[in-house]
Amino acid sequence: MSVAEFNDPRLVPLYDAQFGWARDDDFFLSVVNETPGSRVLDLGCGTGRLTLALAHAGHTVTGVDPAAASLAAARAKPGAERVSWIEGTSSVLPDSSFDVAVMSAHVAQFMVDDDEWAGVLGDLKRALVPGGRLVFDTRDPRARTWEDWNPVNSRRTATLPDGREVAIWTDAELVRDGAVDSTMHFLFPDGEELLSVATLRFRTEQELRASLDAAGFDVEQIYGGWNRDPIGHPDGEFLVIARA
């Protein structure tokens, strides 16, 4: 996965400027806290907002991400010494080393190809102890979230640490069944415009269940909203809890 939003040092500070602690973080923290003092994997940890909170809550946490710039931002934050940070993908995970694995911020949707997704699930199954839990979020395609990813509805501003305001907006297009091409635009005050391009996969509930079953997971629960609401909630999410 090579997305400028996560890999370009000029753009990484804008991630934290846009996204503070929110209901999704509350959800993941509450699920992990059901296993006190656990060994936690945060796969796709990014700049470490949730990762650091998990460590602060008393868990032994490993953050793994392929984006060096995002990891550099995470390592520079207060409390970062509590976390083991690893640059890489799921392929680097050690066997039978974690009680809980999380993938937040819709990381699961960046695995577009079914074989790639199956490989990640297989790596997670291998890395979890028997009975360990996997928790992740992915958007419900029936909510058609991508229709709001347009220059009008998505336009916003974010302020960099040096005080500069950056205008941000998104273009998105459904290019084939379940896959959406997304381009984020970042317009700096001096007129420079940077782009971050990604393709995201929107899997149906049936596809998620089938892929988890094939990887050796038992689905415990799928919620549709951040307050553990049923599937079909207006939040438009699939919040998956599965056991190895």
C-alpha atoms as a PDB file:
ATOM      1  CA  MET A   1       0.000   0.000   0.000  1.00  0.00           C
ATOM      2  CA  SER A   2       1.580   3.302  -1.116  1.00  0.00           C
ATOM      3  CA  VAL A   3      -0.756   6.228  -0.383  1.00  0.00           C
ATOM      4  CA  ALA A   4       0.728   9.726  -0.146  1.00  0.00           C
ATOM      5  CA  GLU A   5      -1.559  10.639   2.757  1.00  0.00           C
ATOM      6  CA  PHE A   6       0.408   8.162   4.881  1.00  0.00           C
ATOM      7  CA  ASN A   7       3.791   8.199   3.139  1.00  0.00           C
ATOM      8  CA  ASP A   8       4.553  11.818   2.273  1.00  0.00           C
ATOM      9  CA  PRO A   9       6.099  13.684   5.245  1.00  0.00           C
ATOM     10  CA  ARG A  10       4.387  16.859   4.010  1.00  0.00           C
ATOM     11  CA  LEU A  11       0.946  15.232   4.317  1.00  0.00           C
ATOM     12  CA  VAL A  12       1.286  12.996   7.373  1.00  0.00           C
ATOM     13  CA  PRO A  13       0.851  15.901   9.874  1.00  0.00           C
ATOM     14  CA  LEU A  14      -2.498  16.639   8.223  1.00  0.00           C
ATOM     15  CA  TYR A  15      -3.834  13.236   9.249  1.00  0.00           C
ATOM     16  CA  ASP A  16      -3.634  14.121  12.932  1.00  0.00           C
ATOM     17  CA  ALA A  17      -4.879  17.640  12.181  1.00  0.00           C
ATOM     18  CA  GLN A  18      -8.034  16.201  10.612  1.00  0.00           C
ATOM     19  CA  PHE A  19      -8.741  13.247  12.857  1.00  0.00           C
ATOM     20  CA  GLY A  20      -8.751  13.419  16.645  1.00  0.00           C
ATOM     21  CA  TRP A  21     -10.048  10.900  19.141  1.00  0.00           C
ATOM     22  CA  ALA A  22     -13.590   9.848  18.193  1.00  0.00           C
ATOM     23  CA  ARG A  23     -16.276   7.179  18.601  1.00  0.00           C
ATOM     24  CA  ASP A  24     -14.344   4.650  16.535  1.00  0.00           C
ATOM     25  CA  ASP A  25     -11.414   4.865  18.961  1.00  0.00           C
ATOM     26  CA  ASP A  26     -13.793   4.431  21.901  1.00  0.00           C
ATOM     27  CA  PHE A  27     -15.159   1.286  20.273  1.00  0.00           C
ATOM     28  CA  PHE A  28     -11.783  -0.345  19.658  1.00  0.00           C
ATOM     29  CA  LEU A  29     -10.466   0.565  23.102  1.00  0.00           C
ATOM     30  CA  SER A  30     -13.569  -0.833  24.791  1.00  0.00           C
ATOM     31  CA  VAL A  31     -13.310  -4.148  22.923  1.00  0.00           C
ATOM     32  CA  VAL A  32      -9.609  -4.568  23.691  1.00  0.00           C
ATOM     33  CA  ASN A  33     -10.184  -3.654  27.346  1.00  0.00           C
ATOM     34  CA  GLU A  34     -12.448  -6.696  27.630  1.00  0.00           C
ATOM     35  CA  THR A  35      -9.153  -8.631  27.765  1.00  0.00           C
ATOM     36  CA  PRO A  36      -7.226  -6.753  30.493  1.00  0.00           C
ATOM     37  CA  GLY A  37      -3.454  -6.550  30.219  1.00  0.00           C
ATOM     38  CA  SER A  38      -3.446  -8.231  26.824  1.00  0.00           C
ATOM     39  CA  ARG A  39      -0.777  -8.420  24.154  1.00  0.00           C
ATOM     40  CA  VAL A  40      -2.216  -6.274  21.369  1.00  0.00           C
ATOM     41  CA  LEU A  41      -1.308  -5.930  17.716  1.00  0.00           C
ATOM     42  CA  ASP A  42      -2.352  -2.704  15.970  1.00  0.00           C
ATOM     43  CA  LEU A  43      -1.945  -3.533  12.283  1.00  0.00           C
ATOM     44  CA  GLY A  44      -1.918  -0.415  10.138  1.00  0.00           C
ATOM     45  CA  CYS A  45      -1.266   1.714  13.205  1.00  0.00           C
ATOM     46  CA  GLY A  46      -0.496   4.890  11.228  1.00  0.00           C
ATOM     47  CA  THR A  47       0.481   7.832  13.429  1.00  0.00           C
ATOM     48  CA  GLY A  48      -0.386   5.863  16.549  1.00  0.00           C
ATOM     49  CA  ARG A  49      -3.412   7.605  18.090  1.00  0.00           C
ATOM     50  CA  LEU A  50      -5.168   4.371  19.084  1.00  0.00           C
ATOM     51  CA  THR A  51      -1.896   2.486  19.564  1.00  0.00           C
ATOM     52  CA  LEU A  52      -0.696   4.848  22.279  1.00  0.00           C
ATOM     53  CA  ALA A  53      -4.071   4.832  24.025  1.00  0.00           C
ATOM     54  CA  LEU A  54      -3.992   1.034  24.159  1.00  0.00           C
ATOM     55  CA  ALA A  55      -0.552   1.149  25.761  1.00  0.00           C
ATOM     56  CA  HIS A  56      -1.719   3.804  28.236  1.00  0.00           C
ATOM     57  CA  ALA A  57      -4.605   1.482  29.176  1.00  0.00           C
ATOM     58  CA  GLY A  58      -2.096  -1.130  30.367  1.00  0.00           C
ATOM     59  CA  HIS A  59      -1.772  -3.393  27.351  1.00  0.00           C
ATOM     60  CA  THR A  60       1.490  -4.577  25.789  1.00  0.00           C
ATOM     61  CA  VAL A  61       1.201  -3.106  22.311  1.00  0.00           C
ATOM     62  CA  THR A  62       2.942  -3.620  18.976  1.00  0.00           C
ATOM     63  CA  GLY A  63       2.208  -1.169  16.172  1.00  0.00           C
ATOM     64  CA  VAL A  64       2.895  -2.332  12.619  1.00  0.00           C
ATOM     65  CA  ASP A  65       2.636  -0.155   9.511  1.00  0.00           C
ATOM     66  CA  PRO A  66       4.332  -0.096   6.092  1.00  0.00           C
ATOM     67  CA  ALA A  67       4.461   3.727   5.980  1.00  0.00           C
ATOM     68  CA  ALA A  68       7.768   5.015   7.375  1.00  0.00           C
ATOM     69  CA  ALA A  69       6.580   8.630   7.552  1.00  0.00           C
ATOM     70  CA  SER A  70       3.529   7.721   9.617  1.00  0.00           C
ATOM     71  CA  LEU A  71       5.624   5.592  11.967  1.00  0.00           C
ATOM     72  CA  ALA A  72       8.088   8.446  12.405  1.00  0.00           C
ATOM     73  CA  ALA A  73       5.213  10.658  13.542  1.00  0.00           C
ATOM     74  CA  ALA A  74       4.018   7.954  15.935  1.00  0.00           C
ATOM     75  CA  ARG A  75       7.470   7.432  17.433  1.00  0.00           C
ATOM     76  CA  ALA A  76       7.763  11.181  18.145  1.00  0.00           C
ATOM     77  CA  LYS A  77       4.640  11.320  20.318  1.00  0.00           C
ATOM     78  CA  PRO A  78       4.624  11.269  24.146  1.00  0.00           C
ATOM     79  CA  GLY A  79       4.490   7.719  25.480  1.00  0.00           C
ATOM     80  CA  ALA A  80       5.800   6.186  22.254  1.00  0.00           C
ATOM     81  CA  GLU A  81       8.487   4.319  24.196  1.00  0.00           C
ATOM     82  CA  ARG A  82       5.744   2.072  25.604  1.00  0.00           C
ATOM     83  CA  VAL A  83       5.026   0.640  22.148  1.00  0.00           C
ATOM     84  CA  SER A  84       7.048  -1.711  19.935  1.00  0.00           C
ATOM     85  CA  TRP A  85       6.933  -0.103  16.488  1.00  0.00           C
ATOM     86  CA  ILE A  86       7.591  -2.204  13.372  1.00  0.00           C
ATOM     87  CA  GLU A  87       7.783  -0.994   9.795  1.00  0.00           C
ATOM     88  CA  GLY A  88       6.240  -3.684   7.631  1.00  0.00           C
ATOM     89  CA  THR A  89       3.108  -5.582   6.680  1.00  0.00           C
ATOM     90  CA  SER A  90       1.287  -8.535   8.194  1.00  0.00           C
ATOM     91  CA  SER A  91       3.927 -10.846   6.726  1.00  0.00           C
ATOM     92  CA  VAL A  92       6.418  -9.809   9.446  1.00  0.00           C
ATOM     93  CA  LEU A  93       4.172 -10.836  12.341  1.00  0.00           C
ATOM     94  CA  PRO A  94       5.556 -13.438  14.772  1.00  0.00           C
ATOM     95  CA  ASP A  95       3.602 -16.615  15.407  1.00  0.00           C
ATOM     96  CA  SER A  96       1.211 -16.982  18.366  1.00  0.00           C
ATOM     97  CA  SER A  97       2.243 -13.676  19.938  1.00  0.00           C
ATOM     98  CA  PHE A  98      -0.955 -11.656  20.439  1.00  0.00           C
ATOM     99  CA  ASP A  99      -4.182 -11.969  22.403  1.00  0.00           C
ATOM    100  CA  VAL A 100      -5.976  -9.289  20.372  1.00  0.00           C
ATOM    101  CA  ALA A 101      -5.366  -7.815  16.918  1.00  0.00           C
ATOM    102  CA  VAL A 102      -7.005  -4.613  15.726  1.00  0.00           C
ATOM    103  CA  MET A 103      -7.236  -2.927  12.340  1.00  0.00           C
ATOM    104  CA  SER A 104      -8.885   0.464  12.750  1.00  0.00           C
ATOM    105  CA  ALA A 105      -9.553   3.449  10.461  1.00  0.00           C
ATOM    106  CA  HIS A 106     -10.851   1.118   7.726  1.00  0.00           C
ATOM    107  CA  VAL A 107      -7.394  -0.331   7.087  1.00  0.00           C
ATOM    108  CA  ALA A 108      -9.074  -3.554   5.926  1.00  0.00           C
ATOM    109  CA  GLN A 109     -10.445  -1.757   2.871  1.00  0.00           C
ATOM    110  CA  PHE A 110      -6.952  -1.094   1.505  1.00  0.00           C
ATOM    111  CA  MET A 111      -6.607  -4.840   0.842  1.00  0.00           C
ATOM    112  CA  VAL A 112      -8.460  -4.737  -2.465  1.00  0.00           C
ATOM    113  CA  ASP A 113      -7.521  -8.059  -4.019  1.00  0.00           C
ATOM    114  CA  ASP A 114      -9.171 -11.131  -2.504  1.00  0.00           C
ATOM    115  CA  ASP A 115      -5.892 -13.066  -2.426  1.00  0.00           C
ATOM    116  CA  GLU A 116      -4.169 -10.201  -0.612  1.00  0.00           C
ATOM    117  CA  TRP A 117      -7.018 -10.013   1.914  1.00  0.00           C
ATOM    118  CA  ALA A 118      -6.866 -13.767   2.446  1.00  0.00           C
ATOM    119  CA  GLY A 119      -3.117 -13.514   3.016  1.00  0.00           C
ATOM    120  CA  VAL A 120      -3.535 -10.812   5.655  1.00  0.00           C
ATOM    121  CA  LEU A 121      -6.207 -12.820   7.458  1.00  0.00           C
ATOM    122  CA  GLY A 122      -3.954 -15.871   7.344  1.00  0.00           C
ATOM    123  CA  ASP A 123      -1.088 -13.875   8.845  1.00  0.00           C
ATOM    124  CA  LEU A 124      -3.371 -12.573  11.595  1.00  0.00           C
ATOM    125  CA  LYS A 125      -4.639 -16.059  12.374  1.00  0.00           C
ATOM    126  CA  ARG A 126      -1.036 -17.220  12.651  1.00  0.00           C
ATOM    127  CA  ALA A 127      -0.044 -14.294  14.870  1.00  0.00           C
ATOM    128  CA  LEU A 128      -2.909 -14.700  17.338  1.00  0.00           C
ATOM    129  CA  VAL A 129      -2.913 -17.250  20.131  1.00  0.00           C
ATOM    130  CA  PRO A 130      -5.681 -19.862  19.951  1.00  0.00           C
ATOM    131  CA  GLY A 131      -8.848 -18.099  21.018  1.00  0.00           C
ATOM    132  CA  GLY A 132      -7.362 -14.665  20.325  1.00  0.00           C
ATOM    133  CA  ARG A 133      -9.638 -12.005  18.910  1.00  0.00           C
ATOM    134  CA  LEU A 134      -9.505  -9.940  15.727  1.00  0.00           C
ATOM    135  CA  VAL A 135     -11.355  -6.615  15.651  1.00  0.00           C
ATOM    136  CA  PHE A 136     -11.661  -4.417  12.565  1.00  0.00           C
ATOM    137  CA  ASP A 137     -13.918  -1.946  10.790  1.00  0.00           C
ATOM    138  CA  THR A 138     -14.971  -1.747   7.168  1.00  0.00           C
ATOM    139  CA  ARG A 139     -17.730   0.302   5.575  1.00  0.00           C
ATOM    140  CA  ASP A 140     -21.043  -1.335   4.661  1.00  0.00           C
ATOM    141  CA  PRO A 141     -21.336  -0.966   0.863  1.00  0.00           C
ATOM    142  CA  ARG A 142     -25.095  -0.559   1.166  1.00  0.00           C
ATOM    143  CA  ALA A 143     -24.500   2.858   2.769  1.00  0.00           C
ATOM    144  CA  ARG A 144     -22.772   3.999  -0.455  1.00  0.00           C
ATOM    145  CA  THR A 145     -20.423   6.239   1.541  1.00  0.00           C
ATOM    146  CA  TRP A 146     -18.328   7.041  -1.527  1.00  0.00           C
ATOM    147  CA  GLU A 147     -21.183   9.131  -2.970  1.00  0.00           C
ATOM    148  CA  ASP A 148     -20.308  11.837  -0.422  1.00  0.00           C
ATOM    149  CA  TRP A 149     -16.636  11.778  -1.444  1.00  0.00           C
ATOM    150  CA  ASN A 150     -16.987  14.654  -3.881  1.00  0.00           C
ATOM    151  CA  PRO A 151     -15.495  18.177  -3.965  1.00  0.00           C
ATOM    152  CA  VAL A 152     -18.641  19.751  -2.485  1.00  0.00           C
ATOM    153  CA  ASN A 153     -19.523  17.406   0.380  1.00  0.00           C
ATOM    154  CA  SER A 154     -15.951  16.510   1.355  1.00  0.00           C
ATOM    155  CA  ARG A 155     -14.385  19.995   1.323  1.00  0.00           C
ATOM    156  CA  ARG A 156     -12.766  20.991   4.616  1.00  0.00           C
ATOM    157  CA  THR A 157      -9.660  22.674   6.006  1.00  0.00           C
ATOM    158  CA  ALA A 158      -6.978  21.479   8.408  1.00  0.00           C
ATOM    159  CA  THR A 159      -4.318  23.467  10.230  1.00  0.00           C
ATOM    160  CA  LEU A 160      -0.694  22.346  10.227  1.00  0.00           C
ATOM    161  CA  PRO A 161       1.438  22.681  13.384  1.00  0.00           C
ATOM    162  CA  ASP A 162       3.060  25.802  11.882  1.00  0.00           C
ATOM    163  CA  GLY A 163      -0.351  27.481  11.541  1.00  0.00           C
ATOM    164  CA  ARG A 164      -0.839  27.092   7.786  1.00  0.00           C
ATOM    165  CA  GLU A 165      -4.328  26.124   6.677  1.00  0.00           C
ATOM    166  CA  VAL A 166      -4.657  23.463   3.994  1.00  0.00           C
ATOM    167  CA  ALA A 167      -7.808  22.970   1.936  1.00  0.00           C
ATOM    168  CA  ILE A 168      -8.769  19.306   1.482  1.00  0.00           C
ATOM    169  CA  TRP A 169     -11.355  17.606  -0.698  1.00  0.00           C
ATOM    170  CA  THR A 170     -11.944  14.209  -2.277  1.00  0.00           C
ATOM    171  CA  ASP A 171     -13.039  12.772  -5.615  1.00  0.00           C
ATOM    172  CA  ALA A 172     -14.215   9.164  -5.769  1.00  0.00           C
ATOM    173  CA  GLU A 173     -15.515   6.816  -8.426  1.00  0.00           C
ATOM    174  CA  LEU A 174     -16.952   3.296  -8.207  1.00  0.00           C
ATOM    175  CA  VAL A 175     -14.802   1.544 -10.793  1.00  0.00           C
ATOM    176  CA  ARG A 176     -15.966  -2.060 -10.472  1.00  0.00           C
ATOM    177  CA  ASP A 177     -17.935  -4.232  -8.100  1.00  0.00           C
ATOM    178  CA  GLY A 178     -16.875  -3.360  -4.584  1.00  0.00           C
ATOM    179  CA  ALA A 179     -13.878  -1.177  -5.508  1.00  0.00           C
ATOM    180  CA  VAL A 180     -13.729   2.607  -5.280  1.00  0.00           C
ATOM    181  CA  ASP A 181     -10.947   4.847  -6.608  1.00  0.00           C
ATOM    182  CA  SER A 182     -10.388   7.812  -4.321  1.00  0.00           C
ATOM    183  CA  THR A 183      -8.239  10.906  -4.879  1.00  0.00           C
ATOM    184  CA  MET A 184      -7.623  13.303  -1.992  1.00  0.00           C
ATOM    185  CA  HIS A 185      -6.557  16.850  -2.880  1.00  0.00           C
ATOM    186  CA  PHE A 186      -4.421  18.947  -0.525  1.00  0.00           C
ATOM    187  CA  LEU A 187      -4.118  22.627  -1.500  1.00  0.00           C
ATOM    188  CA  PHE A 188      -1.467  24.543   0.446  1.00  0.00           C
ATOM    189  CA  PRO A 189      -1.553  28.354   0.983  1.00  0.00           C
ATOM    190  CA  ASP A 190       1.280  28.886  -1.522  1.00  0.00           C
ATOM    191  CA  GLY A 191      -0.802  27.216  -4.249  1.00  0.00           C
ATOM    192  CA  GLU A 192       0.968  23.853  -4.201  1.00  0.00           C
ATOM    193  CA  GLU A 193      -1.487  20.969  -4.599  1.00  0.00           C
ATOM    194  CA  LEU A 194      -0.583  17.417  -3.560  1.00  0.00           C
ATOM    195  CA  LEU A 195      -2.634  14.323  -4.352  1.00  0.00           C
ATOM    196  CA  SER A 196      -3.137  11.052  -2.501  1.00  0.00           C
ATOM    197  CA  VAL A 197      -4.627   8.252  -4.585  1.00  0.00           C
ATOM    198  CA  ALA A 198      -6.040   5.007  -3.210  1.00  0.00           C
ATOM    199  CA  THR A 199      -8.369   2.190  -4.130  1.00  0.00           C
ATOM    200  CA  LEU A 200     -10.669   0.871  -1.407  1.00  0.00           C
ATOM    201  CA  ARG A 201     -12.636  -2.375  -1.338  1.00  0.00           C
ATOM    202  CA  PHE A 202     -16.182  -2.431   0.021  1.00  0.00           C
ATOM    203  CA  ARG A 203     -16.956  -6.048   0.977  1.00  0.00           C
ATOM    204  CA  THR A 204     -20.444  -7.278   1.727  1.00  0.00           C
ATOM    205  CA  GLU A 205     -21.289  -8.976   5.007  1.00  0.00           C
ATOM    206  CA  GLN A 206     -21.429 -12.309   3.176  1.00  0.00           C
ATOM    207  CA  GLU A 207     -17.982 -11.744   1.662  1.00  0.00           C
ATOM    208  CA  LEU A 208     -16.535 -10.825   5.056  1.00  0.00           C
ATOM    209  CA  ARG A 209     -17.987 -13.870   6.763  1.00  0.00           C
ATOM    210  CA  ALA A 210     -16.804 -16.201   3.994  1.00  0.00           C
ATOM    211  CA  SER A 211     -13.262 -14.821   4.040  1.00  0.00           C
ATOM    212  CA  LEU A 212     -13.016 -15.049   7.820  1.00  0.00           C
ATOM    213  CA  ASP A 213     -14.326 -18.597   7.827  1.00  0.00           C
ATOM    214  CA  ALA A 214     -11.806 -19.598   5.141  1.00  0.00           C
ATOM    215  CA  ALA A 215      -8.982 -18.138   7.275  1.00  0.00           C
ATOM    216  CA  GLY A 216     -10.034 -20.106  10.356  1.00  0.00           C
ATOM    217  CA  PHE A 217     -11.895 -17.410  12.291  1.00  0.00           C
ATOM    218  CA  ASP A 218     -15.251 -17.703  14.018  1.00  0.00           C
ATOM    219  CA  VAL A 219     -17.300 -14.516  13.772  1.00  0.00           C
ATOM    220  CA  GLU A 220     -18.551 -13.529  17.214  1.00  0.00           C
ATOM    221  CA  GLN A 221     -20.324 -10.322  16.271  1.00  0.00           C
ATOM    222  CA  ILE A 222     -20.741  -7.794  13.485  1.00  0.00           C
ATOM    223  CA  TYR A 223     -22.116  -4.415  14.497  1.00  0.00           C
ATOM    224  CA  GLY A 224     -23.414  -1.699  12.220  1.00  0.00           C
ATOM    225  CA  GLY A 225     -22.683   1.347  14.378  1.00  0.00           C
ATOM    226  CA  TRP A 226     -20.046   2.614  16.792  1.00  0.00           C
ATOM    227  CA  ASN A 227     -22.290   2.178  19.835  1.00  0.00           C
ATOM    228  CA  ARG A 228     -22.545  -1.541  19.050  1.00  0.00           C
ATOM    229  CA  ASP A 229     -25.682  -0.937  17.041  1.00  0.00           C
ATOM    230  CA  PRO A 230     -27.145  -3.602  14.735  1.00  0.00           C
ATOM    231  CA  ILE A 231     -26.164  -3.956  11.095  1.00  0.00           C
ATOM    232  CA  GLY A 232     -27.964  -1.396   8.955  1.00  0.00           C
ATOM    233  CA  HIS A 233     -27.415   1.466  11.405  1.00  0.00           C
ATOM    234  CA  PRO A 234     -26.954   4.897   9.763  1.00  0.00           C
ATOM    235  CA  ASP A 235     -23.253   4.856  10.744  1.00  0.00           C
ATOM    236  CA  GLY A 236     -22.894   2.559   7.730  1.00  0.00           C
ATOM    237  CA  GLU A 237     -20.240   0.315   9.237  1.00  0.00           C
ATOM    238  CA  PHE A 238     -19.357  -3.336   9.652  1.00  0.00           C
ATOM    239  CA  LEU A 239     -17.555  -3.609  13.015  1.00  0.00           C
ATOM    240  CA  VAL A 240     -16.269  -7.162  13.116  1.00  0.00           C
ATOM    241  CA  ILE A 241     -15.196  -9.182  16.144  1.00  0.00           C
ATOM    242  CA  ALA A 242     -13.875 -12.657  15.318  1.00  0.00           C
ATOM    243  CA  ARG A 243     -12.016 -15.328  17.265  1.00  0.00           C
ATOM    244  CA  ALA A 244      -9.116 -17.425  16.043  1.00  0.00           C
END
